């Protein structure tokens, strides 16, 4: 994986969360992972095709997801993960991946993102088999977000 592929996802995530949820998470760690992982809360799986190919997973804990969707709804309280939260996280994922794809395209790597597939629950296992992942961890007072990039 080319290192220049990572920054568009970081920039897009930070920009979109600030814009749609008035949230400015802290980027914590960026590291390489060769094994699968377990997601807890809500995870959105998005495929990329074009000059950049692979899978991206945005995984967040339940509190983070509820806070973001609450902000997207103008501050309306969100108490449970339901269809509204799932729809909001699907939309958030589409916006983040769409923006990252646009940045990559301007850098000479045109690509398109598929609609997200959501997984809700604890200990949901993801594996990219033989493709290593770069993981970007974000934290906020409202929980954590992890981006898993298995792209080439």
Protein backbone atom coordinates (compact mmCIF):
# COMPACT_ATOMS: atom_id res chain seq x y z
CA UNK A 1 0.00 0.00 0.00
CA UNK A 2 1.25 3.44 -0.86
CA UNK A 3 1.55 5.78 2.11
CA UNK A 4 0.04 8.66 0.14
CA UNK A 5 -3.23 6.70 0.07
CA UNK A 6 -3.68 7.12 3.85
CA UNK A 7 -3.76 10.91 4.22
CA UNK A 8 -6.89 11.48 2.07
CA UNK A 9 -8.86 9.23 4.43
CA UNK A 10 -7.54 11.02 7.51
CA UNK A 11 -8.27 14.47 6.03
CA UNK A 12 -11.71 13.47 4.83
CA UNK A 13 -12.65 11.92 8.18
CA UNK A 14 -11.58 14.98 10.16
CA UNK A 15 -13.21 17.43 7.73
CA UNK A 16 -16.52 15.55 7.49
CA UNK A 17 -16.86 14.97 11.24
CA UNK A 18 -16.23 18.65 11.87
CA UNK A 19 -18.72 19.70 9.21
CA UNK A 20 -21.63 17.33 9.88
CA UNK A 21 -21.21 16.65 13.61
CA UNK A 22 -19.21 19.61 14.98
CA UNK A 23 -16.76 17.00 16.23
CA UNK A 24 -12.97 17.29 16.16
CA UNK A 25 -11.55 13.91 17.14
CA UNK A 26 -7.88 13.40 17.84
CA UNK A 27 -5.89 11.19 15.49
CA UNK A 28 -4.10 8.81 17.83
CA UNK A 29 -2.18 5.98 16.21
CA UNK A 30 -1.49 4.87 12.67
CA UNK A 31 -0.14 1.34 12.38
CA UNK A 32 0.07 -1.74 10.17
CA UNK A 33 -2.02 -4.81 10.93
CA UNK A 34 -1.61 -8.17 9.23
CA UNK A 35 -4.44 -10.02 10.97
CA UNK A 36 -8.17 -9.55 11.00
CA UNK A 37 -9.92 -7.56 13.70
CA UNK A 38 -13.10 -7.52 15.75
CA UNK A 39 -15.37 -4.51 15.50
CA UNK A 40 -17.59 -3.45 18.39
CA UNK A 41 -20.55 -1.15 17.88
CA UNK A 42 -21.14 -0.20 14.25
CA UNK A 43 -18.88 -0.85 11.28
CA UNK A 44 -19.33 0.30 7.70
CA UNK A 45 -17.57 -1.73 5.00
CA UNK A 46 -16.95 0.13 1.74
CA UNK A 47 -15.26 -1.19 -1.39
CA UNK A 48 -13.02 0.93 -3.61
CA UNK A 49 -12.46 0.31 -7.32
CA UNK A 50 -10.30 2.09 -9.86
CA UNK A 51 -6.63 3.03 -9.55
CA UNK A 52 -7.09 2.35 -5.84
CA UNK A 53 -8.69 -1.02 -5.06
CA UNK A 54 -9.65 -2.71 -1.84
CA UNK A 55 -11.79 -2.39 1.26
CA UNK A 56 -12.19 0.28 3.90
CA UNK A 57 -13.91 -0.32 7.23
CA UNK A 58 -15.01 2.55 9.47
CA UNK A 59 -15.62 1.04 12.90
CA UNK A 60 -16.96 3.04 15.82
CA UNK A 61 -18.27 2.33 19.26
CA UNK A 62 -21.98 2.77 19.90
CA UNK A 63 -21.66 6.01 21.89
CA UNK A 64 -19.62 7.64 19.13
CA UNK A 65 -22.19 6.60 16.50
CA UNK A 66 -25.14 7.86 18.56
CA UNK A 67 -23.43 11.20 19.21
CA UNK A 68 -22.54 11.74 15.56
CA UNK A 69 -26.04 10.91 14.36
CA UNK A 70 -27.56 13.11 17.07
CA UNK A 71 -25.46 16.02 15.77
CA UNK A 72 -26.41 15.19 12.18
CA UNK A 73 -30.06 15.45 13.29
CA UNK A 74 -29.56 18.91 14.78
CA UNK A 75 -28.97 17.74 18.34
CA UNK A 76 -32.00 15.47 18.58
CA UNK A 77 -31.30 12.91 21.33
CA UNK A 78 -30.42 9.41 20.15
CA UNK A 79 -30.76 6.79 22.85
CA UNK A 80 -30.56 3.52 20.93
CA UNK A 81 -28.95 2.16 17.82
CA UNK A 82 -31.86 1.85 15.42
CA UNK A 83 -32.56 2.26 11.70
CA UNK A 84 -32.06 6.03 11.97
CA UNK A 85 -28.58 5.57 13.46
CA UNK A 86 -27.72 2.90 10.90
CA UNK A 87 -28.87 5.17 8.07
CA UNK A 88 -26.91 8.10 9.49
CA UNK A 89 -23.71 6.09 9.81
CA UNK A 90 -24.20 4.74 6.29
CA UNK A 91 -24.52 8.30 5.03
CA UNK A 92 -21.51 9.47 7.07
CA UNK A 93 -19.42 6.64 5.61
CA UNK A 94 -20.51 7.49 2.08
CA UNK A 95 -19.55 11.14 2.55
CA UNK A 96 -16.14 10.31 4.07
CA UNK A 97 -15.30 7.77 1.37
CA UNK A 98 -16.64 10.00 -1.40
CA UNK A 99 -14.47 12.89 -0.25
CA UNK A 100 -11.41 10.65 0.13
CA UNK A 101 -12.03 9.27 -3.39
CA UNK A 102 -12.19 12.82 -4.75
CA UNK A 103 -8.87 13.70 -3.10
CA UNK A 104 -7.27 10.53 -4.49
CA UNK A 105 -8.62 11.37 -7.95
CA UNK A 106 -7.01 14.82 -7.88
CA UNK A 107 -3.72 13.08 -6.99
CA UNK A 108 -3.94 10.90 -10.10
CA UNK A 109 -5.66 7.87 -8.54
CA UNK A 110 -9.27 7.97 -9.73
CA UNK A 111 -11.48 5.56 -7.81
CA UNK A 112 -15.08 5.04 -6.79
CA UNK A 113 -16.58 3.92 -3.51
CA UNK A 114 -19.35 1.34 -3.28
CA UNK A 115 -22.39 1.89 -1.07
CA UNK A 116 -21.57 0.88 2.52
CA UNK A 117 -22.56 -2.40 4.11
CA UNK A 118 -23.17 -2.06 7.86
CA UNK A 119 -22.43 -4.53 10.62
CA UNK A 120 -23.96 -3.82 14.02
CA UNK A 121 -22.96 -5.64 17.20
CA UNK A 122 -19.99 -6.69 19.25
CA UNK A 123 -17.16 -8.97 18.23
CA UNK A 124 -17.97 -8.79 14.52
CA UNK A 125 -14.90 -10.29 12.85
CA UNK A 126 -13.40 -8.78 9.69
CA UNK A 127 -10.52 -10.26 7.73
CA UNK A 128 -8.88 -9.24 4.48
CA UNK A 129 -7.17 -12.63 4.19
CA UNK A 130 -3.75 -11.80 2.73
CA UNK A 131 -3.99 -8.03 2.31
CA UNK A 132 -2.40 -6.05 5.18
CA UNK A 133 -4.31 -3.14 6.66
CA UNK A 134 -3.27 0.29 7.80
CA UNK A 135 -5.26 1.26 10.87
CA UNK A 136 -5.95 4.85 11.87
CA UNK A 137 -7.32 5.35 15.39
CA UNK A 138 -9.28 8.45 16.40
CA UNK A 139 -10.61 9.35 19.84
CA UNK A 140 -13.06 11.93 21.13
CA UNK A 141 -14.94 12.63 24.36
CA UNK A 142 -17.81 10.69 22.76
CA UNK A 143 -15.94 7.51 21.89
CA UNK A 144 -13.62 6.06 19.32
CA UNK A 145 -13.46 5.63 15.57
CA UNK A 146 -11.08 3.29 13.75
CA UNK A 147 -10.42 3.24 10.02
CA UNK A 148 -9.05 0.03 8.53
CA UNK A 149 -7.55 0.49 5.06
CA UNK A 150 -6.90 -2.64 3.03
CA UNK A 151 -6.20 -0.99 -0.31
CA UNK A 152 -3.66 -1.15 -3.08
